Structure formats: structure tokens, C-alpha cells
Amino acid sequence: MEIIAYPSAEAEKKITAITGRSLEMRTEDVEAVSKILSDVKARGDAAVTDYTNRFDAPDLTIEDVVVSEAEIVSAEKQVSDDFRAALDRAVGQIEAFHKKQLRNSWITTPRPGVMLGQLINPVDAAGIYVPGARGGLTPLVSSVLMGAIPAKIAGVGHVAMVTPPTKPGTVNPHLLVAARKVGVDVIYKAGSAWAVAALAYGTQTIKKVDVIVGPGNIYVTLAKKMVSGTVGIDMIAGPSEILVIADDSANARYIAADLLSQAEHDPLASSILITNSSKTAEKVLNAVRDQLAHLDRKAIAEKSLRDFGAILIVPDIETAVALSNRIAPEHLEIQVREPFEYLGLIRNAGAVFVGEYTPEPVGDYVAGPNHVLPTGGTARFSSALSVDVFLKQTSLLHYSRQAFHREAADIMCLANVEGLGAHAGSVNVRRMPD
């Protein structure tokens, strides 16, 4: 991680490297995932079991794929009271936030004889992908909450969860307790691309869904991308990102810790500080070095900071905000004297964390907003996972005879300009006497 003045050619080179990074979708991965999807589509349960036996749980049978009530009851006895209390807080606050997103159907009568409106309905079934304990990660309980809670609030009738089983064929009890808490209807012991395929196409045991959401590795991401169109998905998520805007009043230790909280995710994660204070820049750089030395995931964070981390010194905070809008980060923290003064200037960010006591992890777990956020600059045109992902908007139209005749000539004119005679005919036949 280095300190660079902005604007400069050096800064532009670094920004280009950061914003140009992406998930490495190798040809062999694309081919492998495509083969898995086709196999599951053709063989159903047999394919899901084969892949699960090969990569996760060698002895798991199709009869064991669905988590049983006994397993959930057992899980309830294995978690601590502290976990239950934290879960209760998180669920309550995430539910309260997402309930604000609900929309109602509506009808209007904009002109005589015309009724127009929009019907809001949930999808029938949704699938929540939750990563398991692989790749050095512990089970992501928060992924259960962020996926299932908005689906349930939307009114989805069937919410399924898929997660890779452990080698003995079990699921972490914390995941099971969280799933029960938020009303997940069924939990399947299946992961990776074959779980996504099973949700998208359906098998003899795993019910087909309409929307699939949730994070995962490159195989999960590729699978979601390939089945998009067959089902809806939340987004194609890339490496995690944080951008901190700070002035000379900011606490360097806090900023360093926040930058490292993202850098430890992945070597492709990006951690950027933009400040108008050279003193703050130096303090943060030193704090990052000090804290990095004690980090469990030091090697990952070190590579992330080296390749995609930067401290940029700008002339003023307005320039910092403009540069942040250009980068469109997943997570934007504002740690300046009067942070609310700059909110009106922010246009592109997945989520904005205001003030020094609002670090990004509060949004990951308990604050309420969803932590599934657009990455890779896609905050320029996309939004966080929300209740809307699980809702459909159906247009509603009704014309009386008089209203139809009043507008018929204009409809026919536009249809004829487009060369669609049958469209015009559909209108004209109603103008003729019976």
C-alpha cells in the first residue's frame, strides 16, 4: 500500500488497476460449470449426489440431502445463549429495515374511462445460497439472514436454503438455528454449481425456484450467471471493496482497521483511503502496518493491499467525493468533521457508513440494511439486495368503449408507422360495427 497524490498519472494508473480488476473466470472454470449445469439438468438427484460425494460428503445419500427436523432440534441445543441474543438483535433490526421496502399494488384513473395500475406480487419460490465452512471461512450466518429475511417479508411462499455439507454430512448448527429463526422452509445439503443448478432446474428432491440469491465462490458465481434468465438472481458479485473518505480529524487506527476488514476477505479485495490530509495519510499507513502484523489472514490482506490498496491525497473533500463517485465502491465510509454535509454529493455507492463509529462490519451483521451490495463499480447502476428482488410488478390496464374510441386512431397511426398491420387491425376491428 502506498501514498499517491491525486490528480496525477501515477494515481490514474493505480485507479485503473483497481477498477479494472475482476473475478478470474477461466475458460476451464466456465466449461466445468457448464458441464455441471447440464448434468444436473439431465440427471437430477443422481448428479447432485455424485458431486456432493466427490467434493463434500463422501457418504451422503439423496435421502439425507434434506435437513431433518431432528437435526434442527439438535442444533438448537448446540448454540450459546450469546449467539441467540446476537441473532435476535440482528434478525429484529434487519426485518425492521426491510419492511420499509414493501410496496403495495395501486390503481389510478388518469382519464375518463381508463383504469391503469400495477399489481405487486412475490415470486412463488426463492433459493438462498449460503457458503459453508470451506476456504478458511466459518459458516456465514449473516448470509442466511440477508437472503431469507427480505424474501419472507416480500411474501415468498417457499424459501429454500442450500449449503455445502461437512465431510460427515452435517450442517453447522449456527446456520440451522439461523435458518429456523427466519422461517426458511427447507434446507438442502448441497453446494457449489450443482446446488445452483438444482434450484434453477429442479430435481426429484430439490424443488425448482424462481429467484436465487447469495454469495459463493467462482463456481457459484458462474453458475448463477449461466442460469440467469431461467431464474432471477440478485447480482454477479465480485471481490469486496471499501473506500474511506477522511480529513485530519479522523482516527487513523479506526481507518486502518476498517481497510483491513475488507483486505482480509480476498487477494482481489480493494481498500482505498482518500484524504485531504497528508498527516492522516501517514498515520493510517503506519497503523495499517502495525495492525497487519497481528492479523490471522495476514498473507491475504497483504497481497490485497499491495495490489489493490491505495491512499490517495486530494486537494479537498469535494474532490474526494467526486473520485468516490467515479469508483462507485461497494462500501463507502465518511470519517470527516461534518460528514452529513457531503451526503447530497454522493451518487454512486452500495452503502454509505457515516461517522467514525459506523464501521462497515455493523452493516454486515446487525444494523439492518442488506450487506449484499453491488461491487466492481456496478453501484453506478445497481442496488443492494432488497425485498424488490423477490417481487414482480405486473401492469394493469382497462379501457371503456368510449375511452378506446377516443384513442384508437392514435394507436393505429403508431402501429402503421412501425409496419405492424395486425396491431392496427386489432384496433380497427373494434371500430367497425358488429
Protein backbone atom coordinates (compact mmCIF):
# COMPACT_ATOMS: atom_id res chain seq x y z
CA MET A 1 0.00 0.00 0.00
CA GLU A 2 1.40 3.39 -0.96
CA ILE A 3 0.53 7.07 -0.66
CA ILE A 4 -0.17 8.76 -4.00
CA ALA A 5 -1.08 12.35 -4.84
CA TYR A 6 -4.27 12.89 -6.87
CA PRO A 7 -4.66 14.04 -9.57
CA SER A 8 -1.56 12.52 -11.15
CA ALA A 9 -0.58 9.96 -13.77
CA GLU A 10 0.51 7.60 -11.00
CA ALA A 11 -2.87 7.89 -9.30
CA GLU A 12 -4.70 7.25 -12.57
CA LYS A 13 -2.64 4.13 -13.16
CA LYS A 14 -3.48 2.81 -9.70
CA ILE A 15 -7.18 3.64 -10.01
CA THR A 16 -7.31 1.89 -13.38
CA ALA A 17 -5.71 -1.21 -11.87
CA ILE A 18 -8.23 -1.24 -9.03
CA THR A 19 -11.37 -0.56 -11.06
CA GLY A 20 -10.25 -2.93 -13.82
CA ARG A 21 -9.85 -5.93 -11.57
CA SER A 22 -12.49 -8.64 -11.75
CA LEU A 23 -13.18 -12.22 -10.86
CA GLU A 24 -10.96 -14.51 -12.86
CA MET A 25 -13.37 -16.51 -15.00
CA ARG A 26 -11.03 -19.00 -16.63
CA THR A 27 -12.14 -20.94 -19.67
CA GLU A 28 -11.73 -24.23 -17.83
CA ASP A 29 -13.98 -22.98 -15.00
CA VAL A 30 -16.66 -21.87 -17.44
CA GLU A 31 -16.55 -25.24 -19.20
CA ALA A 32 -16.65 -27.15 -15.91
CA VAL A 33 -19.63 -25.22 -14.60
CA SER A 34 -21.47 -25.55 -17.90
CA LYS A 35 -20.97 -29.31 -17.75
CA ILE A 36 -22.25 -29.46 -14.16
CA LEU A 37 -25.38 -27.48 -15.03
CA SER A 38 -26.15 -29.75 -17.97
CA ASP A 39 -25.52 -32.86 -15.89
CA VAL A 40 -27.84 -31.77 -13.07
CA LYS A 41 -30.50 -30.75 -15.57
CA ALA A 42 -30.33 -34.18 -17.20
CA ARG A 43 -29.82 -36.49 -14.18
CA GLY A 44 -31.30 -34.53 -11.27
CA ASP A 45 -30.78 -36.11 -7.85
CA ALA A 46 -28.18 -38.58 -9.13
CA ALA A 47 -25.92 -35.78 -10.38
CA VAL A 48 -26.33 -33.72 -7.18
CA THR A 49 -25.42 -36.76 -5.07
CA ASP A 50 -22.42 -37.64 -7.24
CA TYR A 51 -20.92 -34.15 -6.99
CA THR A 52 -21.65 -33.90 -3.28
CA ASN A 53 -19.97 -37.27 -2.64
CA ARG A 54 -16.97 -36.30 -4.74
CA PHE A 55 -16.32 -32.86 -3.26
CA ASP A 56 -18.04 -32.56 0.13
CA ALA A 57 -19.59 -35.52 1.92
CA PRO A 58 -18.47 -38.95 0.58
CA ASP A 59 -21.26 -40.94 2.20
CA LEU A 60 -24.23 -38.59 1.83
CA THR A 61 -27.26 -40.21 0.17
CA ILE A 62 -30.13 -38.43 -1.53
CA GLU A 63 -32.33 -39.38 1.43
CA ASP A 64 -30.05 -37.28 3.65
CA VAL A 65 -29.97 -34.20 1.41
CA VAL A 66 -32.91 -32.55 3.16
CA VAL A 67 -32.04 -31.40 6.68
CA SER A 68 -34.35 -33.16 9.12
CA GLU A 69 -36.32 -31.72 12.00
CA ALA A 70 -34.20 -33.81 14.36
CA GLU A 71 -31.04 -32.14 13.07
CA ILE A 72 -32.51 -28.69 13.68
CA VAL A 73 -33.64 -29.65 17.19
CA SER A 74 -30.12 -30.94 17.89
CA ALA A 75 -28.61 -27.73 16.53
CA GLU A 76 -30.75 -25.65 18.89
CA LYS A 77 -29.01 -27.36 21.82
CA GLN A 78 -25.52 -26.68 20.47
CA VAL A 79 -25.50 -22.88 20.17
CA SER A 80 -24.75 -20.48 23.00
CA ASP A 81 -27.08 -18.00 24.67
CA ASP A 82 -24.80 -15.21 23.45
CA PHE A 83 -25.33 -16.38 19.88
CA ARG A 84 -29.10 -16.47 20.38
CA ALA A 85 -29.08 -12.93 21.76
CA ALA A 86 -26.96 -11.62 18.90
CA LEU A 87 -29.15 -13.46 16.39
CA ASP A 88 -32.32 -11.99 17.92
CA ARG A 89 -30.91 -8.46 17.67
CA ALA A 90 -29.74 -8.93 14.08
CA VAL A 91 -32.99 -10.51 12.89
CA GLY A 92 -35.18 -7.87 14.54
CA GLN A 93 -33.21 -4.97 13.08
CA ILE A 94 -32.84 -6.46 9.60
CA GLU A 95 -36.57 -7.23 9.49
CA ALA A 96 -37.48 -3.70 10.60
CA PHE A 97 -35.35 -2.14 7.86
CA HIS A 98 -36.59 -4.39 5.07
CA LYS A 99 -40.26 -3.94 5.99
CA LYS A 100 -39.85 -0.29 4.96
CA GLN A 101 -39.16 -1.51 1.41
CA LEU A 102 -42.53 -3.17 0.90
CA ARG A 103 -44.68 -1.70 -1.88
CA ASN A 104 -48.40 -2.02 -2.46
CA SER A 105 -50.37 -2.64 -5.61
CA TRP A 106 -52.02 0.53 -6.91
CA ILE A 107 -54.72 1.65 -9.34
CA THR A 108 -55.35 5.07 -10.85
CA THR A 109 -57.92 6.58 -13.24
CA PRO A 110 -55.84 9.11 -15.18
CA ARG A 111 -58.52 9.99 -17.78
CA PRO A 112 -62.21 9.23 -18.33
CA GLY A 113 -62.92 5.56 -18.95
CA VAL A 114 -59.32 4.43 -18.32
CA MET A 115 -58.06 2.48 -15.33
CA LEU A 116 -54.34 1.76 -15.01
CA GLY A 117 -52.31 0.23 -12.23
CA GLN A 118 -49.63 -2.10 -11.05
CA LEU A 119 -50.03 -5.42 -9.26
CA ILE A 120 -47.23 -6.27 -6.82
CA ASN A 121 -46.78 -9.99 -6.16
CA PRO A 122 -43.96 -12.08 -4.71
CA VAL A 123 -42.33 -14.87 -6.66
CA ASP A 124 -43.59 -18.31 -5.66
CA ALA A 125 -40.23 -19.74 -4.54
CA ALA A 126 -36.75 -18.45 -3.76
CA GLY A 127 -33.40 -20.12 -3.12
CA ILE A 128 -30.80 -18.79 -0.71
CA TYR A 129 -27.21 -19.91 -1.26
CA VAL A 130 -25.12 -19.94 1.93
CA PRO A 131 -21.41 -20.80 1.77
CA GLY A 132 -20.20 -23.50 4.13
CA ALA A 133 -17.01 -23.89 6.15
CA ARG A 134 -14.54 -24.09 3.30
CA GLY A 135 -11.65 -21.96 2.11
CA GLY A 136 -10.77 -20.85 5.62
CA LEU A 137 -14.20 -19.32 6.21
CA THR A 138 -16.54 -20.20 9.02
CA PRO A 139 -20.22 -20.62 8.13
CA LEU A 140 -21.73 -17.29 7.10
CA VAL A 141 -24.76 -16.92 9.36
CA SER A 142 -25.29 -13.37 8.10
CA SER A 143 -25.85 -14.71 4.57
CA VAL A 144 -28.85 -16.68 5.87
CA LEU A 145 -30.36 -13.53 7.34
CA MET A 146 -29.64 -11.19 4.42
CA GLY A 147 -31.10 -13.60 1.88
CA ALA A 148 -34.06 -15.12 3.68
CA ILE A 149 -35.42 -12.12 5.58
CA PRO A 150 -36.26 -9.95 2.55
CA ALA A 151 -37.71 -13.00 0.78
CA LYS A 152 -40.03 -13.74 3.68
CA ILE A 153 -41.03 -10.08 4.04
CA ALA A 154 -41.82 -9.99 0.31
CA GLY A 155 -44.26 -12.85 0.92
CA VAL A 156 -42.42 -15.63 -0.90
CA GLY A 157 -44.32 -18.84 -0.17
CA HIS A 158 -41.40 -21.27 -0.36
CA VAL A 159 -37.88 -20.27 0.74
CA ALA A 160 -35.21 -22.94 0.28
CA MET A 161 -31.65 -22.77 1.52
CA VAL A 162 -28.71 -24.68 0.06
CA THR A 163 -25.36 -25.01 1.79
CA PRO A 164 -22.44 -27.43 1.39
CA PRO A 165 -22.38 -30.21 3.99
CA THR A 166 -19.32 -31.05 6.05
CA LYS A 167 -17.42 -34.24 5.29
CA PRO A 168 -19.56 -36.26 7.76
CA GLY A 169 -22.69 -34.90 6.05
CA THR A 170 -23.77 -32.33 8.62
CA VAL A 171 -24.53 -28.61 8.54
CA ASN A 172 -23.10 -26.17 11.06
CA PRO A 173 -25.66 -25.74 13.89
CA HIS A 174 -25.44 -21.94 13.78
CA LEU A 175 -26.66 -21.99 10.19
CA LEU A 176 -29.55 -24.30 11.06
CA VAL A 177 -30.64 -22.20 14.03
CA ALA A 178 -30.47 -19.01 11.96
CA ALA A 179 -32.46 -20.62 9.14
CA ARG A 180 -35.19 -21.76 11.54
CA LYS A 181 -35.29 -18.32 13.16
CA VAL A 182 -36.00 -16.52 9.87
CA GLY A 183 -38.52 -19.05 8.59
CA VAL A 184 -36.59 -20.94 5.91
CA ASP A 185 -38.92 -23.70 4.72
CA VAL A 186 -36.39 -26.33 3.67
CA ILE A 187 -32.61 -26.71 3.90
CA TYR A 188 -30.69 -28.81 1.39
CA LYS A 189 -27.19 -30.18 1.95
CA ALA A 190 -25.77 -29.19 -1.41
CA GLY A 191 -23.26 -26.61 -2.53
CA SER A 192 -21.35 -25.12 -5.43
CA ALA A 193 -22.64 -25.10 -9.02
CA TRP A 194 -24.70 -28.28 -8.60
CA ALA A 195 -26.77 -26.66 -5.85
CA VAL A 196 -27.43 -23.63 -8.05
CA ALA A 197 -28.37 -25.94 -10.93
CA ALA A 198 -30.73 -27.93 -8.73
CA LEU A 199 -32.51 -24.76 -7.61
CA ALA A 200 -32.71 -23.43 -11.16
CA TYR A 201 -33.93 -26.59 -12.91
CA GLY A 202 -35.37 -28.66 -10.08
CA THR A 203 -34.62 -32.30 -9.32
CA GLN A 204 -36.66 -35.17 -7.94
CA THR A 205 -35.90 -33.93 -4.40
CA ILE A 206 -34.96 -30.26 -4.75
CA LYS A 207 -37.81 -28.00 -5.80
CA LYS A 208 -37.28 -25.50 -8.61
CA VAL A 209 -37.27 -21.85 -7.52
CA ASP A 210 -37.85 -18.54 -9.31
CA VAL A 211 -35.03 -16.45 -7.79
CA ILE A 212 -31.59 -17.42 -6.45
CA VAL A 213 -29.61 -15.09 -4.19
CA GLY A 214 -26.50 -15.30 -2.05
CA PRO A 215 -22.70 -15.22 -2.27
CA GLY A 216 -20.32 -18.00 -3.23
CA ASN A 217 -17.05 -18.93 -4.90
CA ILE A 218 -16.27 -18.64 -8.60
CA TYR A 219 -18.24 -21.82 -9.40
CA VAL A 220 -21.33 -20.46 -7.63
CA THR A 221 -20.94 -17.07 -9.31
CA LEU A 222 -20.54 -18.61 -12.76
CA ALA A 223 -23.48 -20.92 -12.19
CA LYS A 224 -25.72 -18.02 -11.15
CA LYS A 225 -24.62 -16.07 -14.21
CA MET A 226 -25.40 -19.01 -16.52
CA VAL A 227 -28.84 -19.76 -15.08
CA SER A 228 -29.83 -16.10 -15.06
CA GLY A 229 -32.80 -15.85 -17.40
CA THR A 230 -34.02 -19.28 -16.40
CA VAL A 231 -34.36 -17.82 -12.89
CA GLY A 232 -33.82 -14.39 -11.46
CA ILE A 233 -30.64 -13.68 -9.48
CA ASP A 234 -29.58 -10.90 -7.15
CA MET A 235 -26.31 -9.91 -8.83
CA ILE A 236 -22.94 -11.13 -10.08
CA ALA A 237 -20.83 -10.25 -7.07
CA GLY A 238 -17.13 -9.54 -7.37
CA PRO A 239 -14.38 -9.01 -4.79
CA SER A 240 -15.17 -6.93 -1.72
CA GLU A 241 -14.38 -3.21 -1.59
CA ILE A 242 -14.11 -0.36 0.88
CA LEU A 243 -13.38 3.30 0.27
CA VAL A 244 -12.85 5.67 3.20
CA ILE A 245 -13.03 9.45 2.88
CA ALA A 246 -11.24 11.15 5.79
CA ASP A 247 -9.89 14.51 6.88
CA ASP A 248 -7.38 15.48 9.57
CA SER A 249 -9.93 14.86 12.33
CA ALA A 250 -10.18 11.13 11.57
CA ASN A 251 -8.86 8.40 13.84
CA ALA A 252 -6.06 6.61 11.95
CA ARG A 253 -6.38 3.39 13.97
CA TYR A 254 -10.08 3.13 13.13
CA ILE A 255 -9.47 3.68 9.43
CA ALA A 256 -6.64 1.15 9.32
CA ALA A 257 -8.83 -1.46 10.99
CA ASP A 258 -11.64 -0.76 8.50
CA LEU A 259 -9.33 -1.07 5.50
CA LEU A 260 -8.02 -4.39 6.81
CA SER A 261 -11.57 -5.67 7.44
CA GLN A 262 -12.01 -5.82 3.67
CA ALA A 263 -8.45 -6.69 2.68
CA GLU A 264 -8.62 -9.94 4.67
CA HIS A 265 -11.53 -11.17 2.52
CA ASP A 266 -9.69 -11.91 -0.67
CA PRO A 267 -6.45 -11.07 -2.54
CA LEU A 268 -8.65 -9.26 -5.07
CA ALA A 269 -10.38 -7.13 -2.41
CA SER A 270 -9.84 -3.39 -2.64
CA SER A 271 -9.19 -0.99 0.26
CA ILE A 272 -8.81 2.72 -0.52
CA LEU A 273 -8.37 5.80 1.64
CA ILE A 274 -8.95 9.22 0.10
CA THR A 275 -7.92 12.13 2.29
CA ASN A 276 -7.04 15.80 2.05
CA SER A 277 -4.55 15.46 4.90
CA SER A 278 -1.00 14.18 4.35
CA LYS A 279 -0.72 13.75 8.12
CA THR A 280 -3.76 11.45 8.17
CA ALA A 281 -2.35 9.52 5.21
CA GLU A 282 0.93 8.83 7.02
CA LYS A 283 -0.78 7.91 10.28
CA VAL A 284 -3.10 5.47 8.56
CA LEU A 285 -0.27 3.84 6.61
CA ASN A 286 1.67 3.28 9.82
CA ALA A 287 -1.42 1.95 11.61
CA VAL A 288 -2.11 -0.47 8.76
CA ARG A 289 1.42 -1.84 9.04
CA ASP A 290 1.12 -2.24 12.81
CA GLN A 291 -2.25 -3.99 12.69
CA LEU A 292 -1.38 -6.13 9.70
CA ALA A 293 1.42 -7.77 11.64
CA HIS A 294 -1.11 -9.29 14.07
CA LEU A 295 -3.75 -10.34 11.54
CA ASP A 296 -4.60 -14.05 11.23
CA ARG A 297 -5.21 -13.66 7.49
CA LYS A 298 -2.08 -11.54 7.05
CA ALA A 299 -0.92 -13.05 3.76
CA ILE A 300 -4.27 -12.47 2.06
CA ALA A 301 -4.59 -8.92 3.37
CA GLU A 302 -1.00 -8.09 2.47
CA LYS A 303 -1.48 -9.12 -1.15
CA SER A 304 -4.80 -7.30 -1.37
CA LEU A 305 -3.30 -4.06 -0.05
CA ARG A 306 -0.25 -4.34 -2.27
CA ASP A 307 -2.18 -4.94 -5.48
CA PHE A 308 -5.47 -3.13 -4.95
CA GLY A 309 -4.99 -0.87 -1.95
CA ALA A 310 -4.11 2.83 -2.08
CA ILE A 311 -4.00 6.02 -0.06
CA LEU A 312 -4.82 8.99 -2.29
CA ILE A 313 -4.18 12.57 -1.17
CA VAL A 314 -6.60 15.04 -2.75
CA PRO A 315 -6.87 18.86 -2.58
CA ASP A 316 -10.22 18.84 -0.71
CA ILE A 317 -13.09 16.64 0.44
CA GLU A 318 -15.26 17.65 -2.54
CA THR A 319 -12.62 16.12 -4.82
CA ALA A 320 -12.59 13.01 -2.63
CA VAL A 321 -16.37 12.61 -3.04
CA ALA A 322 -16.15 13.14 -6.81
CA LEU A 323 -13.45 10.49 -7.07
CA SER A 324 -15.51 8.13 -4.90
CA ASN A 325 -18.49 8.60 -7.24
CA ARG A 326 -16.24 7.66 -10.14
CA ILE A 327 -15.04 4.47 -8.40
CA ALA A 328 -18.57 3.63 -7.11
CA PRO A 329 -17.42 1.47 -4.17
CA GLU A 330 -19.35 -1.33 -2.52
CA HIS A 331 -18.78 0.22 0.93
CA LEU A 332 -18.14 3.95 1.43
CA GLU A 333 -17.17 5.29 4.85
CA ILE A 334 -17.15 9.03 5.58
CA GLN A 335 -14.95 9.98 8.51
CA VAL A 336 -14.76 13.77 8.46
CA ARG A 337 -15.75 16.55 10.86
CA GLU A 338 -19.19 17.17 9.36
CA PRO A 339 -19.98 14.02 7.38
CA PHE A 340 -23.67 14.78 6.79
CA GLU A 341 -22.74 17.89 4.82
CA TYR A 342 -21.47 15.68 1.99
CA LEU A 343 -24.32 13.18 1.72
CA GLY A 344 -26.03 15.21 -1.00
CA LEU A 345 -22.93 14.90 -3.20
CA ILE A 346 -22.77 11.09 -3.04
CA ARG A 347 -24.30 9.41 -6.08
CA ASN A 348 -22.60 6.04 -6.51
CA ALA A 349 -22.07 3.65 -3.60
CA GLY A 350 -23.51 0.34 -2.45
CA ALA A 351 -23.85 1.54 1.14
CA VAL A 352 -22.65 4.66 2.96
CA PHE A 353 -21.34 4.47 6.54
CA VAL A 354 -21.39 7.88 8.20
CA GLY A 355 -19.13 8.79 11.13
CA GLU A 356 -16.24 7.13 12.94
CA TYR A 357 -18.46 4.81 14.98
CA THR A 358 -20.14 3.30 11.93
CA PRO A 359 -17.56 0.84 10.59
CA GLU A 360 -18.52 -1.42 7.69
CA PRO A 361 -18.96 -4.56 9.88
CA VAL A 362 -22.03 -3.04 11.61
CA GLY A 363 -23.70 -3.27 8.21
CA ASP A 364 -22.51 -6.82 7.73
CA TYR A 365 -24.35 -8.07 10.78
CA VAL A 366 -26.84 -6.06 12.77
CA ALA A 367 -27.59 -2.52 11.51
CA GLY A 368 -30.48 -3.54 9.27
CA PRO A 369 -29.63 -2.71 5.63
CA ASN A 370 -28.68 -5.63 3.43
CA HIS A 371 -24.99 -6.45 3.12
CA VAL A 372 -25.33 -7.97 -0.36
CA LEU A 373 -24.12 -4.95 -2.31
CA PRO A 374 -23.04 -4.10 -5.86
CA THR A 375 -19.28 -4.41 -6.47
CA GLY A 376 -16.83 -3.60 -9.25
CA GLY A 377 -18.29 -0.16 -9.96
CA THR A 378 -21.79 -1.55 -10.57
CA ALA A 379 -23.15 0.76 -7.86
CA ARG A 380 -23.36 3.21 -10.76
CA PHE A 381 -26.49 1.39 -11.94
CA SER A 382 -27.48 -1.28 -9.40
CA SER A 383 -28.55 -1.56 -5.79
CA ALA A 384 -28.34 -3.70 -2.67
CA LEU A 385 -30.30 -6.93 -2.35
CA SER A 386 -33.77 -5.92 -1.19
CA VAL A 387 -37.37 -7.01 -0.95
CA ASP A 388 -37.76 -5.85 -4.57
CA VAL A 389 -35.63 -8.76 -5.81
CA PHE A 390 -38.40 -11.12 -4.70
CA LEU A 391 -41.29 -9.06 -6.08
CA LYS A 392 -42.81 -8.78 -9.54
CA GLN A 393 -44.61 -5.76 -10.93
CA THR A 394 -47.49 -6.59 -13.27
CA SER A 395 -49.09 -3.76 -15.23
CA LEU A 396 -52.89 -3.47 -15.14
CA LEU A 397 -54.97 -1.81 -17.91
CA HIS A 398 -58.71 -1.30 -18.52
CA TYR A 399 -60.41 0.85 -21.20
CA SER A 400 -64.09 1.57 -21.54
CA ARG A 401 -65.66 1.61 -25.03
CA GLN A 402 -65.64 5.41 -25.08
CA ALA A 403 -62.02 5.67 -23.95
CA PHE A 404 -60.97 3.12 -26.57
CA HIS A 405 -62.59 5.02 -29.41
CA ARG A 406 -61.08 8.28 -28.21
CA GLU A 407 -57.52 6.94 -28.60
CA ALA A 408 -57.93 4.32 -31.32
CA ALA A 409 -56.79 6.47 -34.23
CA ASP A 410 -53.53 7.36 -32.49
CA ILE A 411 -52.84 3.71 -31.67
CA MET A 412 -53.39 2.74 -35.29
CA CYS A 413 -51.18 5.57 -36.52
CA LEU A 414 -48.25 4.45 -34.38
CA ALA A 415 -48.76 0.77 -35.27
CA ASN A 416 -48.78 1.59 -39.01
CA VAL A 417 -45.61 3.68 -38.69
CA GLU A 418 -43.93 0.61 -37.23
CA GLY A 419 -45.26 -1.52 -40.08
CA LEU A 420 -47.35 -3.71 -37.78
CA GLY A 421 -50.59 -4.02 -39.68
CA ALA A 422 -52.08 -6.69 -37.46
CA HIS A 423 -51.61 -4.43 -34.46
CA ALA A 424 -53.56 -1.73 -36.26
CA GLY A 425 -56.11 -4.32 -37.33
CA SER A 426 -56.67 -5.41 -33.74
CA VAL A 427 -57.75 -1.86 -33.01
CA ASN A 428 -59.60 -1.22 -36.26
CA VAL A 429 -61.83 -4.29 -35.95
CA ARG A 430 -63.27 -2.78 -32.78
CA ARG A 431 -64.12 0.46 -34.60
CA MET A 432 -66.33 -1.33 -37.10
CA PRO A 433 -70.00 -2.04 -36.47
CA ASP A 434 -70.79 -5.64 -35.47
